Amino acid sequence: MDALTLLKEDHERIKKMLADGEKTTERGEKTRQELFEKLKETMVAHESMEEQVLYPALKAHPKARDLTLEAYEEHHVVDLVFEELEKTPVSDDQWGAKFTVAKENIEHHIEEEETEMFKVCRDIFSRDELDQMGNQMAEIQMAARQVLSQDASAQS
């Protein structure tokens, strides 16, 4: 699977989780907590594969450098909001507001990737290069998910 197809499929999963999370209320504490944990796990794996494979390859190309630096910063902002979400009780009305901010940031990031960044990727990488990156990214994603699920079971 090529890198862009892998990312697009992951983006669809993430957008569904974001939409489901936005529908929750303070009373749905267990649902909120479980959904957030799954979203966080998915985002960590997603960021890992982008930051270890795609972004370094893009950053090396002058026409993609600024776009890539911005993408790194967008990941950083989402990570900060997620840290705040972890510290905020899911029953607190601030949790919902923070989740909405995270959702809006992630959706903006996805939109930029799928329009601007994917176009640049198609321009500068061959089909074989995109396939190779996709394979590397899938391995990183799988490894990250395994580590995160092991961490989660160790904590329970």
Foldseek 3Di string as FASTA:
>chain_A
DFQLVVLVVLLVVLLVLLVVLLPDALVPQVVNVVSLLVNVLSLVLSCQLCVVFVLVVQCVDPVRVVVSVVLVVLSVVLVVLSVVLVVDRSNDPVNSVSSVVSSVSSVVSSVCCNPVVVVVCPVPDDRVSRRVSNVSSVVSSVVSSVVSVVVVVVVD
